[in-house]
Structures are given as structure tokens and as C-alpha cells.
């Protein structure tokens, strides 16, 4: 079933640490970087390729989770006539990584950064990902600088992308940004995040796109014990995402015009999948009139309400099937759009954490400059979709297995206890098997009974197993 990203605050206890270590060994997750990769990273950190264009006078800021140190993006927002100017600086990994060198080869082996509850397995060594290449505050950094001018309605007018030296002035987090904007105390560059974000959200509605506001599962340490809760995304999360989406859409348009690129594509969901969601909505007592589109329904839901949150989680099934599509020499692929974005779209804003983004940035730089793409890009392009698919699958497995382990660790001493829950999913072929969402703690787990489960109904369930080392959490109806 679809899962949420999780994070643990505080040091995990011994059984949880042991189970997570065993999972890393089982999955063959990369460990420490080889000496030659670290040596190359440390040398590159001392002498990156610096761009001639200096944009350090612009007061950029970043918006990330409070503990993040691998900062891919920084922005500066301003008014431009009757519209707006979005400047979006993306960490320039290519300024540090020599094509086909040790760093490059290791990045192709890792593909993505992997996030475990207790640690992070980075795509690039920490001297780069958390230091020299990261857009940390009060540091001059090489970046790929996007300048996107918008009209008064938030529509794209012009796009420019070039290498530049930038300097972030502030490392902000979502809660702080939302509080400052909501209180009316944010200065204009930050205050415009809401103004531009809401305009882009309206355009998303207009083109039929959808952004899922799925709650995040969070494990917090309190008084030497763990608690689990849901964190519904703040409006600031959505506004920030709209800037990234804007840039990804601009990148896709540039690459399509250039005739070479790598897109993030997703076909339209089959009718059967939407029909299944309609049945789930009915079971969860969510009114979905036939004249209301899927996108309109999702935008009307409140992730703070348990049955709405459960439905939003089920909606992520429609995102399965997303992949990477490459093209070159002007031969465009049959599918160029991402159905959730409802437009052509590319991943280009997280090169510290995702391999493909470095290639997308390089193609866009070439497209705007009117020059050929560097030879190292097309040499690797054809193999990227399969490599990214493998890395994405591994990241998904890590996410699912970690959640199973953490849930088992939280409940390992409560086997036999009874909880209140709601059945949010029932297997078509085995209606006595499904998924239950507990009211407290905030856990979603497998439930197995002997009779058909009441989809969308509340019921009492008994915890039958929970062992972070061997057994996933399982429930049975009382």
C-alpha cells in the first residue's frame, strides 16, 4: 500500500537501530564512500568551477525542514512591472563532478539519496552535499540560476537560465515561513511566496493539475519513549512546491523546444483505477458527485480529518506509473506530459539528491545559450530512465520497510491490546484482508479477519504481532 515519508526525532532505541541496520544490509544499501570518491569530493570542494556571472547581491533564502543541510534550492521573489520575477537558484553539482570520474561513477551507482529514520545515505559525499555544494546561508555557491518572469496572473512570460554565483541570506523552515506570512510580518521577498504560490495554484486548477496534500507520519521521542502522529502539510509547503513545479515545467518546455531532454512523465490513470477510488470514497463517506472531477474533489478535502486523510493516501495509487522519458535529435516521445501536473514536466530542482536533475539542468543551460549539449550528457542519457527507475524502486522499498519497522518498534510491547480504527482499504480478491488506520497512535497497518471487512467503517482491532526485527504490525478484528 502507499506509504508516507517518516522521520524520527531523537536517538532511536537499540531494537529499532538494530532492525534498521539489518534492513540496510538486506537491501545492499551503499555504505561509506570509497576512498577515491571521498578524495575527489574533498578536492572538488576546494576548487569548484566558478561561473563568471555574479548574483550574490540578491538576498536569496531557502525553505526546508529545520534539520536539513543538503539544500538544493534557494529563491528570490520580486515584483516586475505588473507581474513578478522568480529567481530560483539550484545547486550546481556539475561544478564539482567531473564526468566519468570517481564521483560521477558512484553517483550513477547510488542514483538517489536514501532516507532512513535514523540516518541519510547521500547521493554525493557530505563534503559536497552538506557543505561545498549545498546552498547554505552566508556562503557563496555556484548555482544554476533560473529567472522566470510571470504576468499578473502568474503565467510564464520569459525564462532564462544560466550559471551564477549566489549567496543565500536565510535558512527558513515551513512552519516559520507560514507563521511569519500568516502574521503579516514577512518582508516582500518572502511575502510574495504566498501571492505567487496561490496564483500558481489557481493555474493548476485551470489546467486540471493536482497536488496531493497527503499527511506525513512523524515519530517523535518524548521522555525516552516514542510517539507517532500525522503532520498535515501547511499552505507554505504548497506555495514552495509551486515554485519548484513552475521551474520543472519551464525546464520541460525548454528541452522539448531544444529537441533533447529527460522528462518526468505519467500517463492518465485508467478508468478502473478511478472507479476503484470512487468506491473507496463511498466507503469512507466522502461525497463525490459524478459531475465533480477527481482534481476538484481532492482540492476540497481536509487532510486534518481522518477519513479525508485516508482517502488522500489512497489517491497516491494514481501516481504509480510515473517514469523518466528521454529523447534526442528532435524525435519527441509519444508521451510528453505528467498527468498530475497536467503539463510537460521535468525533475531539475534537486541535483544533490537525484541523479537525473544534473542532466536536465545541463540540457536547459545549453538550450538557452544556443549551444550543443556537452558530450557527457547524451552519452549517459539513454541509460538514465532504467537507472532512475531502479533507484526510485529502491527508495520506495526503503520507505515502506522503514515504516513497517518503526511501527513495530512503537508497538512491540503492546501485542494483545485493543485499539479503535477505521478500515481504509480492502483487497478485492481477499475481502477479509485489508488496511486499518488507527485513531491513536497514528499507525496504518494490515488487518486480517475471517469475514468481509467493513470498508470505511470504524471498528475495534486487536494487535496480533509487532516485532521490529522480524514481524510487521498486524491486527485482527475484535
Protein backbone atom coordinates (compact mmCIF):
# COMPACT_ATOMS: atom_id res chain seq x y z
CA UNK A 1 0.00 0.00 0.00
CA UNK A 2 1.19 3.61 -0.43
CA UNK A 3 3.27 4.98 2.39
CA UNK A 4 4.25 8.31 3.85
CA UNK A 5 7.71 9.66 4.46
CA UNK A 6 8.67 9.35 8.11
CA UNK A 7 11.34 10.82 10.31
CA UNK A 8 12.48 10.13 13.86
CA UNK A 9 13.31 12.97 16.23
CA UNK A 10 15.87 11.93 18.84
CA UNK A 11 18.14 8.88 19.05
CA UNK A 12 16.33 5.61 18.24
CA UNK A 13 16.41 2.88 20.85
CA UNK A 14 18.57 -0.23 20.39
CA UNK A 15 15.99 -2.66 18.87
CA UNK A 16 14.98 -0.07 16.29
CA UNK A 17 18.61 0.74 15.42
CA UNK A 18 19.38 -2.96 15.04
CA UNK A 19 16.38 -3.55 12.77
CA UNK A 20 17.23 -0.56 10.56
CA UNK A 21 20.85 -1.70 10.30
CA UNK A 22 19.67 -5.18 9.30
CA UNK A 23 17.39 -3.66 6.65
CA UNK A 24 20.29 -1.73 5.13
CA UNK A 25 22.34 -4.91 4.97
CA UNK A 26 19.45 -6.87 3.46
CA UNK A 27 18.84 -4.29 0.72
CA UNK A 28 22.52 -3.85 -0.08
CA UNK A 29 22.30 -0.13 0.59
CA UNK A 30 25.59 1.65 -0.19
CA UNK A 31 27.68 2.27 2.88
CA UNK A 32 30.55 4.70 3.21
CA UNK A 33 32.03 6.22 0.08
CA UNK A 34 35.15 4.59 -1.39
CA UNK A 35 38.41 6.44 -0.58
CA UNK A 36 38.91 7.61 -4.19
CA UNK A 37 35.40 9.10 -4.25
CA UNK A 38 35.95 10.95 -0.96
CA UNK A 39 39.32 12.22 -2.17
CA UNK A 40 37.81 13.55 -5.36
CA UNK A 41 34.94 15.16 -3.45
CA UNK A 42 37.27 16.87 -1.00
CA UNK A 43 39.42 18.19 -3.84
CA UNK A 44 36.37 19.40 -5.77
CA UNK A 45 35.02 21.12 -2.65
CA UNK A 46 38.19 23.21 -2.51
CA UNK A 47 38.20 24.22 -6.17
CA UNK A 48 34.80 24.09 -7.91
CA UNK A 49 34.31 25.52 -11.38
CA UNK A 50 33.06 29.04 -10.58
CA UNK A 51 30.77 30.90 -13.02
CA UNK A 52 31.60 34.39 -14.30
CA UNK A 53 28.12 35.80 -13.55
CA UNK A 54 27.85 37.16 -10.00
CA UNK A 55 24.37 37.26 -8.42
CA UNK A 56 25.50 37.41 -4.79
CA UNK A 57 23.83 40.82 -4.39
CA UNK A 58 20.42 39.15 -4.44
CA UNK A 59 19.19 38.12 -0.96
CA UNK A 60 18.19 34.51 -1.64
CA UNK A 61 16.53 32.36 1.02
CA UNK A 62 15.88 28.63 1.37
CA UNK A 63 12.78 26.84 2.71
CA UNK A 64 13.41 23.32 4.02
CA UNK A 65 12.78 21.12 7.07
CA UNK A 66 14.65 22.58 10.08
CA UNK A 67 17.31 19.85 10.23
CA UNK A 68 18.09 19.74 6.50
CA UNK A 69 21.63 20.54 5.44
CA UNK A 70 21.55 19.31 1.81
CA UNK A 71 19.93 22.44 0.41
CA UNK A 72 19.25 22.20 -3.33
CA UNK A 73 17.18 25.35 -3.90
CA UNK A 74 17.20 29.00 -2.92
CA UNK A 75 14.81 31.66 -4.17
CA UNK A 76 14.38 35.39 -4.51
CA UNK A 77 10.96 36.80 -5.40
CA UNK A 78 10.19 40.32 -6.56
CA UNK A 79 7.64 42.39 -8.42
CA UNK A 80 8.34 43.03 -12.09
CA UNK A 81 6.08 45.71 -13.55
CA UNK A 82 2.53 44.40 -13.16
CA UNK A 83 3.82 40.86 -12.69
CA UNK A 84 6.55 39.02 -10.83
CA UNK A 85 10.12 37.80 -11.21
CA UNK A 86 11.04 34.42 -9.75
CA UNK A 87 14.74 33.76 -9.34
CA UNK A 88 15.37 30.14 -8.38
CA UNK A 89 18.93 29.02 -7.71
CA UNK A 90 19.64 25.29 -7.95
CA UNK A 91 22.84 23.77 -6.57
CA UNK A 92 25.28 23.32 -9.47
CA UNK A 93 26.53 19.79 -8.89
CA UNK A 94 28.25 19.76 -12.27
CA UNK A 95 30.60 22.45 -10.97
CA UNK A 96 32.06 19.77 -8.69
CA UNK A 97 31.59 16.46 -10.52
CA UNK A 98 33.92 15.51 -13.38
CA UNK A 99 32.08 13.36 -15.98
CA UNK A 100 33.09 9.66 -15.79
CA UNK A 101 35.25 10.40 -12.72
CA UNK A 102 35.03 8.53 -9.43
CA UNK A 103 32.35 10.87 -8.06
CA UNK A 104 30.25 10.53 -11.21
CA UNK A 105 30.51 6.75 -11.28
CA UNK A 106 29.48 6.50 -7.62
CA UNK A 107 26.51 8.82 -8.20
CA UNK A 108 25.35 6.56 -11.04
CA UNK A 109 25.59 3.62 -8.67
CA UNK A 110 23.58 5.32 -5.91
CA UNK A 111 21.07 7.22 -8.12
CA UNK A 112 19.20 8.90 -5.25
CA UNK A 113 19.66 9.89 -1.64
CA UNK A 114 18.02 7.35 0.67
CA UNK A 115 16.27 8.49 3.83
CA UNK A 116 16.11 6.19 6.83
CA UNK A 117 14.53 7.27 10.13
CA UNK A 118 17.91 7.25 11.84
CA UNK A 119 20.25 8.44 9.07
CA UNK A 120 20.60 9.55 5.48
CA UNK A 121 22.50 7.71 2.73
CA UNK A 122 23.53 10.59 0.45
CA UNK A 123 23.90 10.57 -3.30
CA UNK A 124 27.08 12.63 -3.00
CA UNK A 125 29.68 12.71 -0.19
CA UNK A 126 28.92 15.06 2.69
CA UNK A 127 31.80 17.47 1.87
CA UNK A 128 29.67 18.32 -1.18
CA UNK A 129 26.05 17.51 -0.32
CA UNK A 130 26.07 19.15 3.10
CA UNK A 131 28.85 21.68 2.62
CA UNK A 132 30.51 22.98 -0.54
CA UNK A 133 27.64 22.37 -2.98
CA UNK A 134 24.75 22.97 -0.55
CA UNK A 135 23.12 26.42 -0.67
CA UNK A 136 23.78 27.11 2.99
CA UNK A 137 23.27 30.65 4.32
CA UNK A 138 26.07 33.21 4.17
CA UNK A 139 28.15 31.14 1.73
CA UNK A 140 28.97 31.92 -1.89
CA UNK A 141 27.91 28.96 -4.03
CA UNK A 142 27.91 28.08 -7.74
CA UNK A 143 24.34 27.59 -8.92
CA UNK A 144 22.14 27.11 -11.95
CA UNK A 145 20.07 30.29 -11.76
CA UNK A 146 16.57 30.31 -13.24
CA UNK A 147 14.93 33.67 -13.86
CA UNK A 148 11.25 33.30 -14.71
CA UNK A 149 9.09 36.35 -15.34
CA UNK A 150 5.36 35.98 -14.71
CA UNK A 151 2.42 38.17 -15.60
CA UNK A 152 -0.08 39.43 -13.04
CA UNK A 153 -1.95 36.12 -13.16
CA UNK A 154 1.20 34.06 -12.55
CA UNK A 155 1.58 32.86 -16.14
CA UNK A 156 5.09 32.41 -17.51
CA UNK A 157 6.26 35.17 -19.83
CA UNK A 158 10.01 34.62 -20.22
CA UNK A 159 12.57 32.09 -18.98
CA UNK A 160 16.32 32.45 -18.60
CA UNK A 161 18.77 30.00 -17.07
CA UNK A 162 22.49 30.49 -16.58
CA UNK A 163 25.28 29.60 -14.22
CA UNK A 164 25.77 32.13 -11.45
CA UNK A 165 27.44 32.67 -8.10
CA UNK A 166 24.74 33.10 -5.43
CA UNK A 167 24.58 33.69 -1.70
CA UNK A 168 21.66 32.68 0.49
CA UNK A 169 20.88 35.04 3.36
CA UNK A 170 18.48 32.90 5.40
CA UNK A 171 17.64 29.24 6.05
CA UNK A 172 13.90 29.14 6.72
CA UNK A 173 11.56 26.28 7.58
CA UNK A 174 7.93 25.69 6.59
CA UNK A 175 6.39 26.34 9.99
CA UNK A 176 8.34 29.58 10.45
CA UNK A 177 7.51 30.79 6.95
CA UNK A 178 3.83 30.05 7.41
CA UNK A 179 3.74 31.78 10.79
CA UNK A 180 5.51 34.89 9.50
CA UNK A 181 3.36 35.21 6.39
CA UNK A 182 0.16 34.50 8.33
CA UNK A 183 1.05 37.19 10.89
CA UNK A 184 1.72 39.72 8.14
CA UNK A 185 5.27 40.34 9.33
CA UNK A 186 7.08 38.84 6.31
CA UNK A 187 9.04 41.23 4.13
CA UNK A 188 8.23 41.34 0.43
CA UNK A 189 10.57 38.64 -0.97
CA UNK A 190 9.06 36.14 1.46
CA UNK A 191 5.53 37.57 1.48
CA UNK A 192 5.41 37.11 -2.30
CA UNK A 193 5.77 33.35 -1.83
CA UNK A 194 2.11 33.22 -0.79
CA UNK A 195 0.98 35.63 -3.52
CA UNK A 196 2.79 33.80 -6.32
CA UNK A 197 2.08 30.37 -4.85
CA UNK A 198 -1.66 30.99 -4.75
CA UNK A 199 -1.65 32.32 -8.33
CA UNK A 200 0.16 29.19 -9.50
CA UNK A 201 -2.31 27.03 -7.55
CA UNK A 202 -5.17 28.70 -9.42
CA UNK A 203 -3.45 27.99 -12.72
CA UNK A 204 -3.00 24.37 -11.63
CA UNK A 205 -6.77 24.16 -11.13
CA UNK A 206 -7.33 25.76 -14.52
CA UNK A 207 -5.18 23.25 -16.42
CA UNK A 208 -6.56 20.26 -14.47
CA UNK A 209 -3.47 19.50 -12.40
CA UNK A 210 -3.50 18.24 -8.85
CA UNK A 211 -1.14 18.39 -5.87
CA UNK A 212 -1.92 15.84 -3.17
CA UNK A 213 -1.80 17.21 0.37
CA UNK A 214 -1.01 13.87 2.00
CA UNK A 215 -0.21 13.91 5.74
CA UNK A 216 3.28 12.89 6.80
CA UNK A 217 3.82 10.30 9.50
CA UNK A 218 6.19 11.60 12.15
CA UNK A 219 7.83 9.73 15.05
CA UNK A 220 8.91 11.94 17.94
CA UNK A 221 10.91 10.99 21.04
CA UNK A 222 9.43 12.27 24.30
CA UNK A 223 10.61 11.26 27.78
CA UNK A 224 12.60 8.31 26.42
CA UNK A 225 9.57 6.89 24.59
CA UNK A 226 8.25 7.30 21.06
CA UNK A 227 5.01 8.87 19.92
CA UNK A 228 3.62 8.81 16.40
CA UNK A 229 1.43 11.49 14.84
CA UNK A 230 0.33 12.81 11.47
CA UNK A 231 1.59 16.13 10.16
CA UNK A 232 -0.69 17.68 7.57
CA UNK A 233 1.22 19.88 5.10
CA UNK A 234 0.98 23.61 5.70
CA UNK A 235 -0.10 26.03 2.96
CA UNK A 236 3.55 27.17 2.88
CA UNK A 237 4.53 23.64 1.78
CA UNK A 238 2.24 24.03 -1.21
CA UNK A 239 3.44 27.52 -2.13
CA UNK A 240 7.04 26.36 -2.01
CA UNK A 241 6.20 23.32 -4.16
CA UNK A 242 4.60 25.57 -6.75
CA UNK A 243 7.92 27.36 -7.33
CA UNK A 244 9.60 24.01 -7.95
CA UNK A 245 6.76 22.91 -10.25
CA UNK A 246 6.99 26.19 -12.16
CA UNK A 247 10.69 25.57 -12.76
CA UNK A 248 10.18 21.93 -13.71
CA UNK A 249 7.54 22.91 -16.26
CA UNK A 250 9.81 25.62 -17.68
CA UNK A 251 12.63 23.06 -17.96
CA UNK A 252 10.40 20.62 -19.83
CA UNK A 253 9.32 23.31 -22.30
CA UNK A 254 12.95 24.30 -22.94
CA UNK A 255 14.01 20.71 -23.55
CA UNK A 256 11.07 19.99 -25.85
CA UNK A 257 11.92 23.09 -27.91
CA UNK A 258 15.59 22.08 -27.95
CA UNK A 259 14.78 18.54 -29.11
CA UNK A 260 16.83 16.79 -26.40
CA UNK A 261 15.82 16.11 -22.83
CA UNK A 262 14.68 13.93 -19.98
CA UNK A 263 11.08 14.37 -18.82
CA UNK A 264 9.19 13.10 -15.81
CA UNK A 265 6.08 11.55 -17.37
CA UNK A 266 2.90 9.93 -16.06
CA UNK A 267 0.10 8.53 -18.25
CA UNK A 268 -3.51 9.28 -17.39
CA UNK A 269 -4.97 6.91 -14.80
CA UNK A 270 -7.05 4.08 -16.29
CA UNK A 271 -10.80 4.22 -15.75
CA UNK A 272 -10.64 1.19 -13.49
CA UNK A 273 -8.32 2.95 -11.05
CA UNK A 274 -10.60 5.98 -10.83
CA UNK A 275 -13.60 3.69 -10.41
CA UNK A 276 -11.89 1.97 -7.51
CA UNK A 277 -11.25 5.35 -5.90
CA UNK A 278 -14.93 6.20 -6.27
CA UNK A 279 -15.83 3.03 -4.39
CA UNK A 280 -13.31 3.92 -1.69
CA UNK A 281 -14.75 7.44 -1.40
CA UNK A 282 -18.22 5.97 -0.96
CA UNK A 283 -16.97 3.59 1.73
CA UNK A 284 -15.27 6.46 3.56
CA UNK A 285 -18.48 8.53 3.39
CA UNK A 286 -16.94 11.13 1.11
CA UNK A 287 -19.48 12.66 -1.24
CA UNK A 288 -18.20 12.50 -4.84
CA UNK A 289 -20.92 13.55 -7.30
CA UNK A 290 -20.38 12.26 -10.84
CA UNK A 291 -20.19 15.79 -12.24
CA UNK A 292 -17.26 16.63 -9.91
CA UNK A 293 -13.81 15.84 -11.28
CA UNK A 294 -11.19 13.91 -9.36
CA UNK A 295 -8.99 17.03 -9.15
CA UNK A 296 -11.85 19.16 -7.80
CA UNK A 297 -12.72 16.56 -5.17
CA UNK A 298 -9.14 16.27 -3.93
CA UNK A 299 -8.84 20.02 -3.55
CA UNK A 300 -11.96 20.05 -1.36
CA UNK A 301 -10.57 17.59 1.19
CA UNK A 302 -9.14 18.46 4.59
CA UNK A 303 -6.08 16.33 5.47
CA UNK A 304 -6.70 17.02 9.17
CA UNK A 305 -9.86 14.89 9.04
CA UNK A 306 -9.04 11.15 9.40
CA UNK A 307 -11.33 9.85 6.64
CA UNK A 308 -10.16 12.58 4.27
CA UNK A 309 -6.53 11.78 5.10
CA UNK A 310 -7.21 8.10 4.41
CA UNK A 311 -8.71 8.92 1.01
CA UNK A 312 -5.81 11.22 0.10
CA UNK A 313 -3.45 8.38 0.89
CA UNK A 314 -5.40 6.10 -1.46
CA UNK A 315 -5.20 8.79 -4.15
CA UNK A 316 -1.45 8.27 -4.36
CA UNK A 317 -2.18 5.00 -6.19
CA UNK A 318 -2.96 7.09 -9.28
CA UNK A 319 0.65 8.34 -9.27
CA UNK A 320 2.02 4.85 -9.85
CA UNK A 321 3.48 4.50 -13.30
CA UNK A 322 5.48 7.73 -13.31
CA UNK A 323 8.81 7.38 -15.09
CA UNK A 324 11.58 9.16 -16.94
CA UNK A 325 11.38 9.62 -20.71
CA UNK A 326 14.42 10.66 -22.75
CA UNK A 327 14.53 11.97 -26.30
CA UNK A 328 17.16 13.45 -28.61
CA UNK A 329 17.76 14.84 -32.08
CA UNK A 330 14.28 16.36 -32.17
CA UNK A 331 12.48 13.00 -32.08
CA UNK A 332 9.85 13.71 -29.42
CA UNK A 333 8.36 10.77 -27.48
CA UNK A 334 4.66 9.83 -27.73
CA UNK A 335 4.06 10.86 -24.10
CA UNK A 336 5.49 14.21 -23.01
CA UNK A 337 3.20 15.12 -20.12
CA UNK A 338 2.77 14.27 -16.46
CA UNK A 339 -0.94 13.71 -15.82
CA UNK A 340 -0.85 15.01 -12.22
CA UNK A 341 0.90 18.20 -13.33
CA UNK A 342 -1.30 18.32 -16.47
CA UNK A 343 1.64 19.62 -18.49
CA UNK A 344 5.13 18.63 -19.60
CA UNK A 345 7.35 18.45 -16.54
CA UNK A 346 10.95 17.63 -15.63
CA UNK A 347 12.89 16.95 -12.46
CA UNK A 348 15.61 19.59 -12.29
CA UNK A 349 15.47 21.16 -8.83
CA UNK A 350 17.11 18.53 -6.58
CA UNK A 351 20.50 17.58 -8.09
CA UNK A 352 22.10 16.99 -4.68
CA UNK A 353 19.60 14.21 -4.06
CA UNK A 354 18.60 12.91 -7.52
CA UNK A 355 20.91 11.93 -10.37
CA UNK A 356 18.69 12.90 -13.33
CA UNK A 357 18.40 16.55 -12.28
CA UNK A 358 22.03 17.30 -13.11
CA UNK A 359 21.44 16.19 -16.70
CA UNK A 360 18.20 18.16 -17.05
CA UNK A 361 19.92 21.35 -15.86
CA UNK A 362 22.76 20.90 -18.35
CA UNK A 363 20.37 20.47 -21.27
CA UNK A 364 18.43 23.58 -20.27
CA UNK A 365 21.61 25.63 -19.98
CA UNK A 366 22.58 24.55 -23.50
CA UNK A 367 19.10 25.28 -24.85
CA UNK A 368 19.07 28.86 -23.57
CA UNK A 369 22.67 29.52 -24.64
CA UNK A 370 22.01 28.10 -28.11
CA UNK A 371 24.92 25.70 -27.93
CA UNK A 372 25.24 21.91 -28.20
CA UNK A 373 24.70 19.82 -25.12
CA UNK A 374 28.04 18.69 -23.57
CA UNK A 375 29.07 15.26 -24.85
CA UNK A 376 28.83 13.62 -21.41
CA UNK A 377 25.08 14.27 -21.32
CA UNK A 378 23.90 12.33 -24.41
CA UNK A 379 26.47 9.62 -23.62
CA UNK A 380 24.56 8.79 -20.42
CA UNK A 381 21.04 9.82 -21.43
CA UNK A 382 19.70 6.55 -22.86
CA UNK A 383 20.61 4.59 -19.73
CA UNK A 384 19.13 7.13 -17.29
CA UNK A 385 15.45 6.04 -17.29
CA UNK A 386 16.27 2.46 -16.27
CA UNK A 387 18.81 3.65 -13.72
CA UNK A 388 16.38 6.15 -12.23
CA UNK A 389 13.60 3.53 -12.15
CA UNK A 390 15.88 1.19 -10.21
CA UNK A 391 16.86 3.93 -7.77
CA UNK A 392 13.25 5.04 -7.32
CA UNK A 393 12.15 1.46 -6.60
CA UNK A 394 14.89 1.10 -4.02
CA UNK A 395 13.90 4.36 -2.35
CA UNK A 396 10.27 3.19 -2.25
CA UNK A 397 11.29 -0.12 -0.68
CA UNK A 398 13.35 1.70 1.94
CA UNK A 399 10.39 3.94 2.76
CA UNK A 400 7.91 1.05 3.09
CA UNK A 401 10.20 -1.22 5.09
CA UNK A 402 11.31 1.58 7.41
CA UNK A 403 7.73 2.43 8.24
CA UNK A 404 6.97 -1.22 8.99
CA UNK A 405 9.99 -1.41 11.30
CA UNK A 406 9.23 1.84 13.14
CA UNK A 407 5.58 0.92 13.64
CA UNK A 408 6.61 -2.47 15.02
CA UNK A 409 9.13 -0.82 17.36
CA UNK A 410 6.47 1.54 18.67
CA UNK A 411 4.01 -1.28 19.36
CA UNK A 412 6.31 -4.17 20.31
CA UNK A 413 5.24 -4.09 23.98
CA UNK A 414 1.51 -3.72 23.21
CA UNK A 415 0.67 -7.02 21.49
CA UNK A 416 -2.80 -8.12 22.58
CA UNK A 417 -4.08 -4.58 23.22
CA UNK A 418 -7.25 -3.31 21.55
CA UNK A 419 -7.41 -0.09 19.52
CA UNK A 420 -10.04 1.97 17.72
CA UNK A 421 -9.54 2.12 13.97
CA UNK A 422 -11.09 2.57 10.55
CA UNK A 423 -10.77 0.18 7.59
CA UNK A 424 -9.36 2.26 4.73
CA UNK A 425 -8.65 -0.48 2.20
CA UNK A 426 -9.97 -3.98 1.44
CA UNK A 427 -8.31 -6.36 -1.00
CA UNK A 428 -10.51 -7.15 -4.00
CA UNK A 429 -9.63 -10.85 -4.05
CA UNK A 430 -9.48 -11.30 -0.28
CA UNK A 431 -12.17 -9.10 1.32
CA UNK A 432 -11.22 -10.34 4.80
CA UNK A 433 -7.78 -8.75 4.37
CA UNK A 434 -7.06 -5.05 4.17
CA UNK A 435 -5.66 -1.98 5.83
CA UNK A 436 -6.72 -0.31 9.05
CA UNK A 437 -5.91 3.21 10.21
CA UNK A 438 -5.75 3.56 13.98
CA UNK A 439 -7.14 6.65 15.65
CA UNK A 440 -4.25 6.63 18.16
CA UNK A 441 -1.38 6.06 17.76
CA UNK A 442 -1.26 7.27 14.15
CA UNK A 443 -0.50 3.93 12.57
CA UNK A 444 -1.72 2.31 9.36
CA UNK A 445 -1.35 -1.47 9.33
CA UNK A 446 -2.52 -4.71 7.81
CA UNK A 447 -5.66 -6.33 9.21
CA UNK A 448 -6.69 -9.94 8.64
CA UNK A 449 -10.04 -11.35 9.65
CA UNK A 450 -12.32 -14.24 8.75
CA UNK A 451 -15.26 -12.23 7.34
CA UNK A 452 -15.53 -9.38 4.86
CA UNK A 453 -14.02 -6.20 6.34
CA UNK A 454 -16.33 -3.15 6.57
CA UNK A 455 -14.57 -0.65 4.31
CA UNK A 456 -14.87 2.86 5.65
CA UNK A 457 -16.33 1.73 8.96
CA UNK A 458 -14.89 2.15 12.43
CA UNK A 459 -14.15 -0.98 14.42
CA UNK A 460 -12.16 -2.30 17.35
CA UNK A 461 -9.00 -4.18 16.43
CA UNK A 462 -6.50 -6.24 18.38
CA UNK A 463 -2.75 -6.04 17.79
CA UNK A 464 -1.63 -9.61 16.99
CA UNK A 465 2.05 -9.10 16.19
CA UNK A 466 4.75 -6.41 16.28
CA UNK A 467 8.47 -7.15 16.23
CA UNK A 468 10.87 -4.64 14.65
CA UNK A 469 13.34 -7.44 13.96
CA UNK A 470 11.11 -9.93 12.17
CA UNK A 471 7.36 -9.32 12.20
CA UNK A 472 5.44 -6.39 10.73
CA UNK A 473 2.48 -4.93 12.58
CA UNK A 474 -0.69 -6.99 12.15
CA UNK A 475 -4.20 -6.52 13.51
CA UNK A 476 -7.36 -8.61 13.71
CA UNK A 477 -10.97 -7.50 14.23
CA UNK A 478 -12.20 -7.91 17.80
